[in-house]
Amino acid sequence: MRSVKGFENQDLLGDSAAIGTTSVSLAKLFGAEFGKQKMRVAKFETNHHLIPRLEKGYAFRYDILEPILNYLENPNGDALYLFGPSGCGKTSAVLQVCSLLKLPVLSLTLNGRFELSDLIGHSQLIDGNITFIHGALARAMKYGYVLILNEIDLAEPAELAGLNDVLEGRCLNIVSNNGEIIEPHPNFRFVVTANTKGDNCMCAYGKFMGTQMLNSAFLDRFRYIDCSYLEKDAEINVLTERLPNLCNELINKLVEIAIEIRNSCFSVGQPKLRISIPLSTRSLLRWARLIEVYVKAKHQEPILKALKHSYTARLREDEAQFVCRLVADKLGSNPKVFKDE
């Protein structure tokens, strides 16, 4: 008969808890606007495999950064809910904060087939033994990690209701693992992201199909951060840092085009045509990267080709034509692409 193992199996996943606490200067990590403020954070091994990778040139927004830091330092029994349009940097904001603070993160994206058991864990046959492998929720709670659940509004509300006890700070009872009880570690943090606030499938940036109206009792357990796209100068800085070979004037024009498309999406002013999908920061970066690749490869019409492969292929034909005309008007027939041209 196979033996059953459970509580001692975490070495299989490389998990480890904090080795103490440390004080960090927020001004040194995030900017002078924090003055002399310091923050106490858990101290993990600096090479912990779950600490997120730092992105070069990442631009923090103070109005989002400050409440994230406040939550990570002292959640006061809350969870954190970030909502906003696709590609505006909800998840990356938390990941980059955790990268600088050296906090391990477990991040998952949910869908309509999500089951609570996916987060808790499952039994698996290893070396002839049935071993219980803890899921992301159990691991984060036990070892004090930050847990991020993306697209929370795509999951079934009935499944999410099973998280209510955890969100209240209660223990996790794993019945399927011989009734194991996991007490929430003091460093455990619970973060979710979504396009909507969970009350319907609409947000200020459009309609997101497949999203669910979430249970009010579940939503009542969160702090909320409203996220949007970067301001013009910040978005220019992101592209400049990540694509240093591109001409500054070209980068400025690309950002202006993205902003004009977003204004059209959200009916700012009186747009000639309302575009159905905004040009997100994520898609803008993809467009700029492909411009660099296609120009070097000497493709015909590299800017428009890059635009199609990164964005306009998703649009209706009339919308795509409108965007292409906008690009032609903004950039002209032969724009300078590289600084050394």
C-alpha atoms as a PDB file:
ATOM      1  CA  MET A   1       0.000   0.000   0.000  1.00  0.00           C
ATOM      2  CA  ARG A   2       1.341   3.449  -0.925  1.00  0.00           C
ATOM      3  CA  SER A   3       2.111   5.822   1.915  1.00  0.00           C
ATOM      4  CA  VAL A   4       0.595   9.301   2.067  1.00  0.00           C
ATOM      5  CA  LYS A   5       2.808  12.338   2.637  1.00  0.00           C
ATOM      6  CA  GLY A   6       1.694  15.918   2.982  1.00  0.00           C
ATOM      7  CA  PHE A   7       2.981  18.357   5.522  1.00  0.00           C
ATOM      8  CA  GLU A   8       6.705  17.933   4.850  1.00  0.00           C
ATOM      9  CA  ASN A   9       6.712  18.104   1.032  1.00  0.00           C
ATOM     10  CA  GLN A  10       7.475  21.769   0.391  1.00  0.00           C
ATOM     11  CA  ASP A  11      11.153  21.156  -0.429  1.00  0.00           C
ATOM     12  CA  LEU A  12       9.823  19.812  -3.742  1.00  0.00           C
ATOM     13  CA  LEU A  13       8.821  23.390  -4.637  1.00  0.00           C
ATOM     14  CA  GLY A  14      11.823  25.226  -3.219  1.00  0.00           C
ATOM     15  CA  ASP A  15       9.759  27.204  -0.716  1.00  0.00           C
ATOM     16  CA  SER A  16      11.315  28.978   2.242  1.00  0.00           C
ATOM     17  CA  ALA A  17      10.134  31.521   4.788  1.00  0.00           C
ATOM     18  CA  ALA A  18      11.618  34.892   5.740  1.00  0.00           C
ATOM     19  CA  ILE A  19      14.886  34.975   7.676  1.00  0.00           C
ATOM     20  CA  GLY A  20      13.961  38.143   9.541  1.00  0.00           C
ATOM     21  CA  THR A  21      12.919  41.730   8.835  1.00  0.00           C
ATOM     22  CA  THR A  22      14.743  44.759   7.482  1.00  0.00           C
ATOM     23  CA  SER A  23      14.147  48.509   7.138  1.00  0.00           C
ATOM     24  CA  VAL A  24      14.302  50.040   3.660  1.00  0.00           C
ATOM     25  CA  SER A  25      14.413  53.657   2.489  1.00  0.00           C
ATOM     26  CA  LEU A  26      11.427  54.341   0.221  1.00  0.00           C
ATOM     27  CA  ALA A  27      13.143  57.380  -1.302  1.00  0.00           C
ATOM     28  CA  LYS A  28      16.136  55.262  -2.298  1.00  0.00           C
ATOM     29  CA  LEU A  29      13.969  52.643  -3.953  1.00  0.00           C
ATOM     30  CA  PHE A  30      11.064  54.650  -5.361  1.00  0.00           C
ATOM     31  CA  GLY A  31      11.926  58.341  -5.494  1.00  0.00           C
ATOM     32  CA  ALA A  32      12.567  61.496  -3.511  1.00  0.00           C
ATOM     33  CA  GLU A  33       8.855  62.220  -2.979  1.00  0.00           C
ATOM     34  CA  PHE A  34       8.921  59.732  -0.092  1.00  0.00           C
ATOM     35  CA  GLY A  35      11.399  61.890   1.813  1.00  0.00           C
ATOM     36  CA  LYS A  36      12.803  60.123   4.867  1.00  0.00           C
ATOM     37  CA  GLN A  37      10.067  57.485   5.039  1.00  0.00           C
ATOM     38  CA  LYS A  38      11.190  53.957   5.811  1.00  0.00           C
ATOM     39  CA  MET A  39       9.330  50.672   5.635  1.00  0.00           C
ATOM     40  CA  ARG A  40       9.776  47.430   7.534  1.00  0.00           C
ATOM     41  CA  VAL A  41       9.626  44.419   5.232  1.00  0.00           C
ATOM     42  CA  ALA A  42      10.286  40.712   5.505  1.00  0.00           C
ATOM     43  CA  LYS A  43      13.843  39.707   4.624  1.00  0.00           C
ATOM     44  CA  PHE A  44      14.146  36.676   2.364  1.00  0.00           C
ATOM     45  CA  GLU A  45      17.225  35.197   0.736  1.00  0.00           C
ATOM     46  CA  THR A  46      18.178  37.646  -2.048  1.00  0.00           C
ATOM     47  CA  ASN A  47      18.300  34.818  -4.595  1.00  0.00           C
ATOM     48  CA  HIS A  48      14.836  33.480  -3.679  1.00  0.00           C
ATOM     49  CA  HIS A  49      13.434  32.061  -6.902  1.00  0.00           C
ATOM     50  CA  LEU A  50      10.012  33.723  -6.426  1.00  0.00           C
ATOM     51  CA  ILE A  51      11.290  37.315  -6.182  1.00  0.00           C
ATOM     52  CA  PRO A  52      10.115  38.986  -9.440  1.00  0.00           C
ATOM     53  CA  ARG A  53      12.616  40.161 -12.032  1.00  0.00           C
ATOM     54  CA  LEU A  54      13.177  43.937 -12.123  1.00  0.00           C
ATOM     55  CA  GLU A  55      12.171  45.540 -15.426  1.00  0.00           C
ATOM     56  CA  LYS A  56      14.570  48.146 -16.799  1.00  0.00           C
ATOM     57  CA  GLY A  57      13.038  51.610 -17.054  1.00  0.00           C
ATOM     58  CA  TYR A  58       9.824  50.733 -15.226  1.00  0.00           C
ATOM     59  CA  ALA A  59       7.818  53.898 -14.442  1.00  0.00           C
ATOM     60  CA  PHE A  60       5.929  53.965 -11.142  1.00  0.00           C
ATOM     61  CA  ARG A  61       2.874  56.167 -10.696  1.00  0.00           C
ATOM     62  CA  TYR A  62       2.817  57.701  -7.232  1.00  0.00           C
ATOM     63  CA  ASP A  63      -1.002  57.547  -6.968  1.00  0.00           C
ATOM     64  CA  ILE A  64      -0.810  53.756  -7.426  1.00  0.00           C
ATOM     65  CA  LEU A  65       2.551  53.149  -5.779  1.00  0.00           C
ATOM     66  CA  GLU A  66       1.689  54.756  -2.448  1.00  0.00           C
ATOM     67  CA  PRO A  67      -1.427  52.647  -1.674  1.00  0.00           C
ATOM     68  CA  ILE A  68       0.391  49.464  -2.785  1.00  0.00           C
ATOM     69  CA  LEU A  69       3.205  50.214  -0.338  1.00  0.00           C
ATOM     70  CA  ASN A  70       0.707  51.061   2.405  1.00  0.00           C
ATOM     71  CA  TYR A  71      -1.031  47.746   1.885  1.00  0.00           C
ATOM     72  CA  LEU A  72       2.141  45.664   1.791  1.00  0.00           C
ATOM     73  CA  GLU A  73       3.380  47.289   4.979  1.00  0.00           C
ATOM     74  CA  ASN A  74       0.145  46.958   6.940  1.00  0.00           C
ATOM     75  CA  PRO A  75      -2.917  45.300   5.376  1.00  0.00           C
ATOM     76  CA  ASN A  76      -4.991  45.588   8.574  1.00  0.00           C
ATOM     77  CA  GLY A  77      -6.944  42.472   7.631  1.00  0.00           C
ATOM     78  CA  ASP A  78      -7.711  43.602   4.060  1.00  0.00           C
ATOM     79  CA  ALA A  79      -6.935  42.223   0.631  1.00  0.00           C
ATOM     80  CA  LEU A  80      -6.046  44.490  -2.324  1.00  0.00           C
ATOM     81  CA  TYR A  81      -8.027  44.894  -5.575  1.00  0.00           C
ATOM     82  CA  LEU A  82      -6.512  46.737  -8.580  1.00  0.00           C
ATOM     83  CA  PHE A  83      -8.823  47.406 -11.528  1.00  0.00           C
ATOM     84  CA  GLY A  84      -8.489  49.206 -14.834  1.00  0.00           C
ATOM     85  CA  PRO A  85      -8.103  48.745 -18.602  1.00  0.00           C
ATOM     86  CA  SER A  86      -6.136  45.963 -20.220  1.00  0.00           C
ATOM     87  CA  GLY A  87      -2.400  46.540 -20.489  1.00  0.00           C
ATOM     88  CA  CYS A  88      -2.212  49.532 -18.140  1.00  0.00           C
ATOM     89  CA  GLY A  89       0.190  47.839 -15.722  1.00  0.00           C
ATOM     90  CA  LYS A  90      -1.916  46.559 -12.824  1.00  0.00           C
ATOM     91  CA  THR A  91      -0.004  43.338 -12.251  1.00  0.00           C
ATOM     92  CA  SER A  92       3.382  44.771 -13.201  1.00  0.00           C
ATOM     93  CA  ALA A  93       2.969  47.558 -10.625  1.00  0.00           C
ATOM     94  CA  VAL A  94       2.725  45.018  -7.805  1.00  0.00           C
ATOM     95  CA  LEU A  95       5.446  42.788  -9.263  1.00  0.00           C
ATOM     96  CA  GLN A  96       7.915  45.659  -9.596  1.00  0.00           C
ATOM     97  CA  VAL A  97       7.236  46.907  -6.066  1.00  0.00           C
ATOM     98  CA  CYS A  98       7.854  43.395  -4.771  1.00  0.00           C
ATOM     99  CA  SER A  99      10.989  43.118  -6.897  1.00  0.00           C
ATOM    100  CA  LEU A 100      12.503  46.205  -5.264  1.00  0.00           C
ATOM    101  CA  LEU A 101      11.375  45.136  -1.789  1.00  0.00           C
ATOM    102  CA  LYS A 102      12.710  41.598  -2.454  1.00  0.00           C
ATOM    103  CA  LEU A 103       9.379  39.942  -1.640  1.00  0.00           C
ATOM    104  CA  PRO A 104       8.537  36.524  -3.186  1.00  0.00           C
ATOM    105  CA  VAL A 105       5.396  36.446  -5.332  1.00  0.00           C
ATOM    106  CA  LEU A 106       3.105  33.711  -6.614  1.00  0.00           C
ATOM    107  CA  SER A 107       1.025  35.004  -9.536  1.00  0.00           C
ATOM    108  CA  LEU A 108      -1.771  33.173 -11.371  1.00  0.00           C
ATOM    109  CA  THR A 109      -4.373  34.121 -13.967  1.00  0.00           C
ATOM    110  CA  LEU A 110      -7.904  32.832 -13.390  1.00  0.00           C
ATOM    111  CA  ASN A 111     -10.584  31.852 -15.908  1.00  0.00           C
ATOM    112  CA  GLY A 112     -14.133  30.573 -16.063  1.00  0.00           C
ATOM    113  CA  ARG A 113     -12.993  27.020 -15.233  1.00  0.00           C
ATOM    114  CA  PHE A 114     -11.192  28.054 -12.052  1.00  0.00           C
ATOM    115  CA  GLU A 115     -11.784  25.872  -8.992  1.00  0.00           C
ATOM    116  CA  LEU A 116     -10.739  26.678  -5.443  1.00  0.00           C
ATOM    117  CA  SER A 117      -8.895  23.365  -5.277  1.00  0.00           C
ATOM    118  CA  ASP A 118      -6.500  24.741  -7.924  1.00  0.00           C
ATOM    119  CA  LEU A 119      -5.232  27.188  -5.297  1.00  0.00           C
ATOM    120  CA  ILE A 120      -5.252  24.800  -2.354  1.00  0.00           C
ATOM    121  CA  GLY A 121      -3.425  21.827  -3.864  1.00  0.00           C
ATOM    122  CA  HIS A 122      -3.768  18.244  -5.042  1.00  0.00           C
ATOM    123  CA  SER A 123      -2.380  14.762  -4.510  1.00  0.00           C
ATOM    124  CA  GLN A 124       0.261  13.452  -6.892  1.00  0.00           C
ATOM    125  CA  LEU A 125       2.129  10.170  -7.287  1.00  0.00           C
ATOM    126  CA  ILE A 126       5.855  10.780  -6.667  1.00  0.00           C
ATOM    127  CA  ASP A 127       8.404   7.960  -6.295  1.00  0.00           C
ATOM    128  CA  GLY A 128       5.649   5.478  -5.556  1.00  0.00           C
ATOM    129  CA  ASN A 129       4.060   7.625  -2.852  1.00  0.00           C
ATOM    130  CA  ILE A 130       0.902   9.699  -3.007  1.00  0.00           C
ATOM    131  CA  THR A 131       2.140  13.158  -2.047  1.00  0.00           C
ATOM    132  CA  PHE A 132       0.024  16.245  -1.495  1.00  0.00           C
ATOM    133  CA  ILE A 133       1.423  19.235  -3.431  1.00  0.00           C
ATOM    134  CA  HIS A 134       0.303  22.522  -1.959  1.00  0.00           C
ATOM    135  CA  GLY A 135      -1.206  25.077  -4.315  1.00  0.00           C
ATOM    136  CA  ALA A 136      -0.326  28.751  -4.575  1.00  0.00           C
ATOM    137  CA  LEU A 137      -2.714  29.882  -1.832  1.00  0.00           C
ATOM    138  CA  ALA A 138      -1.492  27.297   0.671  1.00  0.00           C
ATOM    139  CA  ARG A 139       2.162  28.073  -0.099  1.00  0.00           C
ATOM    140  CA  ALA A 140       1.708  31.854   0.107  1.00  0.00           C
ATOM    141  CA  MET A 141      -0.149  31.561   3.411  1.00  0.00           C
ATOM    142  CA  LYS A 142       2.369  29.146   4.932  1.00  0.00           C
ATOM    143  CA  TYR A 143       5.564  30.934   3.902  1.00  0.00           C
ATOM    144  CA  GLY A 144       4.465  34.558   3.816  1.00  0.00           C
ATOM    145  CA  TYR A 145       4.491  35.267   0.081  1.00  0.00           C
ATOM    146  CA  VAL A 146       2.483  37.810  -1.901  1.00  0.00           C
ATOM    147  CA  LEU A 147      -0.271  36.020  -3.843  1.00  0.00           C
ATOM    148  CA  ILE A 148      -1.588  37.743  -7.006  1.00  0.00           C
ATOM    149  CA  LEU A 149      -4.727  36.433  -8.709  1.00  0.00           C
ATOM    150  CA  ASN A 150      -5.177  38.090 -12.094  1.00  0.00           C
ATOM    151  CA  GLU A 151      -8.509  38.427 -13.921  1.00  0.00           C
ATOM    152  CA  ILE A 152     -10.422  37.752 -10.709  1.00  0.00           C
ATOM    153  CA  ASP A 153     -13.671  38.831 -12.391  1.00  0.00           C
ATOM    154  CA  LEU A 154     -13.462  35.906 -14.851  1.00  0.00           C
ATOM    155  CA  ALA A 155     -13.860  33.334 -12.078  1.00  0.00           C
ATOM    156  CA  GLU A 156     -17.178  31.942 -10.868  1.00  0.00           C
ATOM    157  CA  PRO A 157     -18.420  33.876  -7.798  1.00  0.00           C
ATOM    158  CA  ALA A 158     -19.415  30.640  -6.053  1.00  0.00           C
ATOM    159  CA  GLU A 159     -15.809  29.379  -6.209  1.00  0.00           C
ATOM    160  CA  LEU A 160     -14.404  32.701  -5.002  1.00  0.00           C
ATOM    161  CA  ALA A 161     -16.731  32.614  -1.983  1.00  0.00           C
ATOM    162  CA  GLY A 162     -14.546  29.798  -0.677  1.00  0.00           C
ATOM    163  CA  LEU A 163     -11.828  32.407  -0.129  1.00  0.00           C
ATOM    164  CA  ASN A 164     -13.885  34.490   2.287  1.00  0.00           C
ATOM    165  CA  ASP A 165     -12.492  32.846   5.416  1.00  0.00           C
ATOM    166  CA  VAL A 166      -8.925  33.360   4.194  1.00  0.00           C
ATOM    167  CA  LEU A 167      -9.676  37.003   3.409  1.00  0.00           C
ATOM    168  CA  GLU A 168     -10.930  37.370   6.974  1.00  0.00           C
ATOM    169  CA  GLY A 169      -7.545  36.204   8.259  1.00  0.00           C
ATOM    170  CA  ARG A 170      -8.705  32.739   9.300  1.00  0.00           C
ATOM    171  CA  CYS A 171      -6.770  29.502   8.881  1.00  0.00           C
ATOM    172  CA  LEU A 172      -6.881  27.388   5.733  1.00  0.00           C
ATOM    173  CA  ASN A 173      -8.246  23.908   6.452  1.00  0.00           C
ATOM    174  CA  ILE A 174      -7.079  21.421   3.802  1.00  0.00           C
ATOM    175  CA  VAL A 175      -9.511  18.556   4.256  1.00  0.00           C
ATOM    176  CA  SER A 176      -8.003  16.600   1.359  1.00  0.00           C
ATOM    177  CA  ASN A 177      -4.624  16.553   3.105  1.00  0.00           C
ATOM    178  CA  ASN A 178      -5.655  14.829   6.326  1.00  0.00           C
ATOM    179  CA  GLY A 179      -7.224  18.014   7.637  1.00  0.00           C
ATOM    180  CA  GLU A 180      -4.012  20.060   7.567  1.00  0.00           C
ATOM    181  CA  ILE A 181      -4.409  23.517   9.107  1.00  0.00           C
ATOM    182  CA  ILE A 182      -2.334  26.406   7.710  1.00  0.00           C
ATOM    183  CA  GLU A 183      -2.304  29.571   9.754  1.00  0.00           C
ATOM    184  CA  PRO A 184      -1.786  32.752   7.698  1.00  0.00           C
ATOM    185  CA  HIS A 185       1.827  33.900   7.946  1.00  0.00           C
ATOM    186  CA  PRO A 186       2.201  37.551   9.114  1.00  0.00           C
ATOM    187  CA  ASN A 187       3.882  38.357   5.763  1.00  0.00           C
ATOM    188  CA  PHE A 188       1.101  36.841   3.638  1.00  0.00           C
ATOM    189  CA  ARG A 189      -0.563  39.362   1.290  1.00  0.00           C
ATOM    190  CA  PHE A 190      -3.546  38.728  -1.028  1.00  0.00           C
ATOM    191  CA  VAL A 191      -3.788  40.840  -4.205  1.00  0.00           C
ATOM    192  CA  VAL A 192      -6.193  40.574  -7.146  1.00  0.00           C
ATOM    193  CA  THR A 193      -6.426  42.408 -10.467  1.00  0.00           C
ATOM    194  CA  ALA A 194      -9.302  42.831 -12.911  1.00  0.00           C
ATOM    195  CA  ASN A 195     -10.605  45.010 -15.715  1.00  0.00           C
ATOM    196  CA  THR A 196     -13.785  45.741 -13.763  1.00  0.00           C
ATOM    197  CA  LYS A 197     -14.664  46.435 -10.137  1.00  0.00           C
ATOM    198  CA  GLY A 198     -16.541  43.150 -10.027  1.00  0.00           C
ATOM    199  CA  ASP A 199     -19.966  44.779 -10.070  1.00  0.00           C
ATOM    200  CA  ASN A 200     -20.606  44.235 -13.809  1.00  0.00           C
ATOM    201  CA  CYS A 201     -18.736  43.700 -17.087  1.00  0.00           C
ATOM    202  CA  MET A 202     -18.318  47.433 -17.715  1.00  0.00           C
ATOM    203  CA  CYS A 203     -15.613  49.837 -16.621  1.00  0.00           C
ATOM    204  CA  ALA A 204     -14.696  53.362 -17.683  1.00  0.00           C
ATOM    205  CA  TYR A 205     -12.567  51.908 -20.501  1.00  0.00           C
ATOM    206  CA  GLY A 206     -15.100  49.724 -22.212  1.00  0.00           C
ATOM    207  CA  LYS A 207     -16.861  46.388 -21.994  1.00  0.00           C
ATOM    208  CA  PHE A 208     -15.005  43.216 -21.060  1.00  0.00           C
ATOM    209  CA  MET A 209     -16.846  40.091 -22.175  1.00  0.00           C
ATOM    210  CA  GLY A 210     -16.736  37.009 -19.970  1.00  0.00           C
ATOM    211  CA  THR A 211     -16.385  38.956 -16.742  1.00  0.00           C
ATOM    212  CA  GLN A 212     -18.629  38.074 -13.823  1.00  0.00           C
ATOM    213  CA  MET A 213     -20.625  40.095 -11.338  1.00  0.00           C
ATOM    214  CA  LEU A 214     -18.889  39.104  -8.108  1.00  0.00           C
ATOM    215  CA  ASN A 215     -20.465  38.492  -4.722  1.00  0.00           C
ATOM    216  CA  SER A 216     -20.845  41.642  -2.630  1.00  0.00           C
ATOM    217  CA  ALA A 217     -19.600  39.901   0.527  1.00  0.00           C
ATOM    218  CA  PHE A 218     -16.431  38.869  -1.330  1.00  0.00           C
ATOM    219  CA  LEU A 219     -15.849  42.396  -2.680  1.00  0.00           C
ATOM    220  CA  ASP A 220     -16.362  43.924   0.754  1.00  0.00           C
ATOM    221  CA  ARG A 221     -13.066  42.424   1.922  1.00  0.00           C
ATOM    222  CA  PHE A 222     -10.800  44.522  -0.334  1.00  0.00           C
ATOM    223  CA  ARG A 223      -9.117  47.871  -0.604  1.00  0.00           C
ATOM    224  CA  TYR A 224      -9.431  49.274  -4.148  1.00  0.00           C
ATOM    225  CA  ILE A 225      -6.968  51.010  -6.479  1.00  0.00           C
ATOM    226  CA  ASP A 226      -8.273  52.518  -9.720  1.00  0.00           C
ATOM    227  CA  CYS A 227      -5.571  52.130 -12.393  1.00  0.00           C
ATOM    228  CA  SER A 228      -5.317  53.858 -15.775  1.00  0.00           C
ATOM    229  CA  TYR A 229      -2.747  54.412 -18.493  1.00  0.00           C
ATOM    230  CA  LEU A 230       0.438  56.350 -17.836  1.00  0.00           C
ATOM    231  CA  GLU A 231       0.645  60.081 -18.400  1.00  0.00           C
ATOM    232  CA  LYS A 232       2.307  61.128 -21.669  1.00  0.00           C
ATOM    233  CA  ASP A 233       5.752  61.971 -20.266  1.00  0.00           C
ATOM    234  CA  ALA A 234       5.899  58.781 -18.196  1.00  0.00           C
ATOM    235  CA  GLU A 235       4.950  56.626 -21.186  1.00  0.00           C
ATOM    236  CA  ILE A 236       7.593  58.369 -23.302  1.00  0.00           C
ATOM    237  CA  ASN A 237      10.161  57.587 -20.617  1.00  0.00           C
ATOM    238  CA  VAL A 238       9.181  53.900 -20.634  1.00  0.00           C
ATOM    239  CA  LEU A 239       9.710  53.609 -24.389  1.00  0.00           C
ATOM    240  CA  THR A 240      12.931  55.623 -24.247  1.00  0.00           C
ATOM    241  CA  GLU A 241      14.394  53.407 -21.521  1.00  0.00           C
ATOM    242  CA  ARG A 242      13.423  50.130 -23.152  1.00  0.00           C
ATOM    243  CA  LEU A 243      14.185  51.099 -26.747  1.00  0.00           C
ATOM    244  CA  PRO A 244      17.225  53.386 -26.502  1.00  0.00           C
ATOM    245  CA  ASN A 245      18.055  53.131 -30.213  1.00  0.00           C
ATOM    246  CA  LEU A 246      14.761  54.656 -31.377  1.00  0.00           C
ATOM    247  CA  CYS A 247      14.640  58.327 -32.275  1.00  0.00           C
ATOM    248  CA  ASN A 248      13.111  60.514 -29.535  1.00  0.00           C
ATOM    249  CA  GLU A 249      10.822  62.272 -32.002  1.00  0.00           C
ATOM    250  CA  LEU A 250       9.450  58.945 -33.226  1.00  0.00           C
ATOM    251  CA  ILE A 251       8.783  57.800 -29.654  1.00  0.00           C
ATOM    252  CA  ASN A 252       6.971  61.061 -28.882  1.00  0.00           C
ATOM    253  CA  LYS A 253       4.769  60.617 -31.949  1.00  0.00           C
ATOM    254  CA  LEU A 254       3.970  56.980 -31.121  1.00  0.00           C
ATOM    255  CA  VAL A 255       2.793  57.986 -27.651  1.00  0.00           C
ATOM    256  CA  GLU A 256       0.700  60.853 -29.077  1.00  0.00           C
ATOM    257  CA  ILE A 257      -0.951  58.377 -31.454  1.00  0.00           C
ATOM    258  CA  ALA A 258      -1.713  55.997 -28.572  1.00  0.00           C
ATOM    259  CA  ILE A 259      -3.276  58.810 -26.545  1.00  0.00           C
ATOM    260  CA  GLU A 260      -5.412  59.966 -29.466  1.00  0.00           C
ATOM    261  CA  ILE A 261      -6.669  56.410 -30.025  1.00  0.00           C
ATOM    262  CA  ARG A 262      -7.528  56.071 -26.335  1.00  0.00           C
ATOM    263  CA  ASN A 263      -9.372  59.392 -26.417  1.00  0.00           C
ATOM    264  CA  SER A 264     -11.353  58.040 -29.350  1.00  0.00           C
ATOM    265  CA  CYS A 265     -12.145  54.846 -27.419  1.00  0.00           C
ATOM    266  CA  PHE A 266     -13.338  56.700 -24.362  1.00  0.00           C
ATOM    267  CA  SER A 267     -15.158  59.484 -26.255  1.00  0.00           C
ATOM    268  CA  VAL A 268     -12.903  62.273 -24.989  1.00  0.00           C
ATOM    269  CA  GLY A 269     -13.874  65.327 -27.046  1.00  0.00           C
ATOM    270  CA  GLN A 270     -15.680  64.555 -30.309  1.00  0.00           C
ATOM    271  CA  PRO A 271     -13.769  61.737 -32.045  1.00  0.00           C
ATOM    272  CA  LYS A 272     -14.335  61.221 -35.764  1.00  0.00           C
ATOM    273  CA  LEU A 273     -14.677  57.493 -35.114  1.00  0.00           C
ATOM    274  CA  ARG A 274     -14.949  55.669 -31.817  1.00  0.00           C
ATOM    275  CA  ILE A 275     -12.305  52.923 -31.765  1.00  0.00           C
ATOM    276  CA  SER A 276     -13.453  49.773 -29.973  1.00  0.00           C
ATOM    277  CA  ILE A 277     -10.065  48.718 -28.519  1.00  0.00           C
ATOM    278  CA  PRO A 278      -7.570  51.104 -26.890  1.00  0.00           C
ATOM    279  CA  LEU A 279      -3.894  51.012 -27.786  1.00  0.00           C
ATOM    280  CA  SER A 280      -2.571  49.879 -24.401  1.00  0.00           C
ATOM    281  CA  THR A 281       0.913  50.520 -23.079  1.00  0.00           C
ATOM    282  CA  ARG A 282       1.614  46.828 -23.636  1.00  0.00           C
ATOM    283  CA  SER A 283       0.571  47.034 -27.303  1.00  0.00           C
ATOM    284  CA  LEU A 284       2.431  50.335 -27.731  1.00  0.00           C
ATOM    285  CA  LEU A 285       5.664  48.716 -26.543  1.00  0.00           C
ATOM    286  CA  ARG A 286       5.042  45.763 -28.873  1.00  0.00           C
ATOM    287  CA  TRP A 287       4.526  48.170 -31.795  1.00  0.00           C
ATOM    288  CA  ALA A 288       7.741  50.054 -31.042  1.00  0.00           C
ATOM    289  CA  ARG A 289       9.759  46.841 -30.705  1.00  0.00           C
ATOM    290  CA  LEU A 290       8.406  45.488 -33.994  1.00  0.00           C
ATOM    291  CA  ILE A 291       9.200  48.771 -35.746  1.00  0.00           C
ATOM    292  CA  GLU A 292      12.824  48.327 -34.701  1.00  0.00           C
ATOM    293  CA  VAL A 293      12.857  44.700 -35.881  1.00  0.00           C
ATOM    294  CA  TYR A 294      11.103  45.322 -39.216  1.00  0.00           C
ATOM    295  CA  VAL A 295      13.170  48.379 -40.134  1.00  0.00           C
ATOM    296  CA  LYS A 296      16.398  46.465 -39.502  1.00  0.00           C
ATOM    297  CA  ALA A 297      15.035  43.570 -41.596  1.00  0.00           C
ATOM    298  CA  LYS A 298      14.158  46.081 -44.377  1.00  0.00           C
ATOM    299  CA  HIS A 299      10.479  45.126 -44.627  1.00  0.00           C
ATOM    300  CA  GLN A 300       8.214  47.207 -46.840  1.00  0.00           C
ATOM    301  CA  GLU A 301       6.200  49.768 -44.844  1.00  0.00           C
ATOM    302  CA  PRO A 302       7.718  48.515 -41.562  1.00  0.00           C
ATOM    303  CA  ILE A 303       5.821  50.942 -39.307  1.00  0.00           C
ATOM    304  CA  LEU A 304       2.383  50.006 -40.634  1.00  0.00           C
ATOM    305  CA  LYS A 305       3.297  46.335 -40.758  1.00  0.00           C
ATOM    306  CA  ALA A 306       4.418  46.487 -37.137  1.00  0.00           C
ATOM    307  CA  LEU A 307       1.207  48.328 -36.255  1.00  0.00           C
ATOM    308  CA  LYS A 308      -0.917  45.628 -37.888  1.00  0.00           C
ATOM    309  CA  HIS A 309       0.873  42.787 -36.108  1.00  0.00           C
ATOM    310  CA  SER A 310       0.740  44.509 -32.723  1.00  0.00           C
ATOM    311  CA  TYR A 311      -2.676  46.173 -32.804  1.00  0.00           C
ATOM    312  CA  THR A 312      -4.790  46.942 -35.888  1.00  0.00           C
ATOM    313  CA  ALA A 313      -5.327  43.292 -36.889  1.00  0.00           C
ATOM    314  CA  ARG A 314      -7.718  43.162 -33.898  1.00  0.00           C
ATOM    315  CA  LEU A 315      -9.846  46.065 -35.171  1.00  0.00           C
ATOM    316  CA  ARG A 316     -12.732  46.291 -37.607  1.00  0.00           C
ATOM    317  CA  GLU A 317     -11.667  47.255 -41.125  1.00  0.00           C
ATOM    318  CA  ASP A 318     -12.960  50.835 -40.864  1.00  0.00           C
ATOM    319  CA  GLU A 319     -11.217  51.280 -37.504  1.00  0.00           C
ATOM    320  CA  ALA A 320      -7.938  49.896 -38.842  1.00  0.00           C
ATOM    321  CA  GLN A 321      -8.079  52.254 -41.829  1.00  0.00           C
ATOM    322  CA  PHE A 322      -8.755  55.209 -39.549  1.00  0.00           C
ATOM    323  CA  VAL A 323      -5.778  54.337 -37.329  1.00  0.00           C
ATOM    324  CA  CYS A 324      -3.488  53.893 -40.346  1.00  0.00           C
ATOM    325  CA  ARG A 325      -4.493  57.333 -41.662  1.00  0.00           C
ATOM    326  CA  LEU A 326      -3.845  58.791 -38.222  1.00  0.00           C
ATOM    327  CA  VAL A 327      -0.367  57.240 -38.187  1.00  0.00           C
ATOM    328  CA  ALA A 328       0.392  58.520 -41.678  1.00  0.00           C
ATOM    329  CA  ASP A 329      -0.716  62.045 -40.707  1.00  0.00           C
ATOM    330  CA  LYS A 330       1.368  62.001 -37.519  1.00  0.00           C
ATOM    331  CA  LEU A 331       4.551  60.404 -38.861  1.00  0.00           C
ATOM    332  CA  GLY A 332       4.650  61.493 -42.487  1.00  0.00           C
ATOM    333  CA  SER A 333       6.010  59.421 -45.359  1.00  0.00           C
ATOM    334  CA  ASN A 334       9.603  58.785 -44.213  1.00  0.00           C
ATOM    335  CA  PRO A 335      10.063  59.312 -40.460  1.00  0.00           C
ATOM    336  CA  LYS A 336      13.459  58.968 -38.825  1.00  0.00           C
ATOM    337  CA  VAL A 337      13.492  55.723 -36.831  1.00  0.00           C
ATOM    338  CA  PHE A 338      16.954  55.394 -35.251  1.00  0.00           C
ATOM    339  CA  LYS A 339      19.016  58.005 -33.442  1.00  0.00           C
ATOM    340  CA  ASP A 340      22.132  57.291 -35.499  1.00  0.00           C
ATOM    341  CA  GLU A 341      20.459  57.711 -38.912  1.00  0.00           C
END
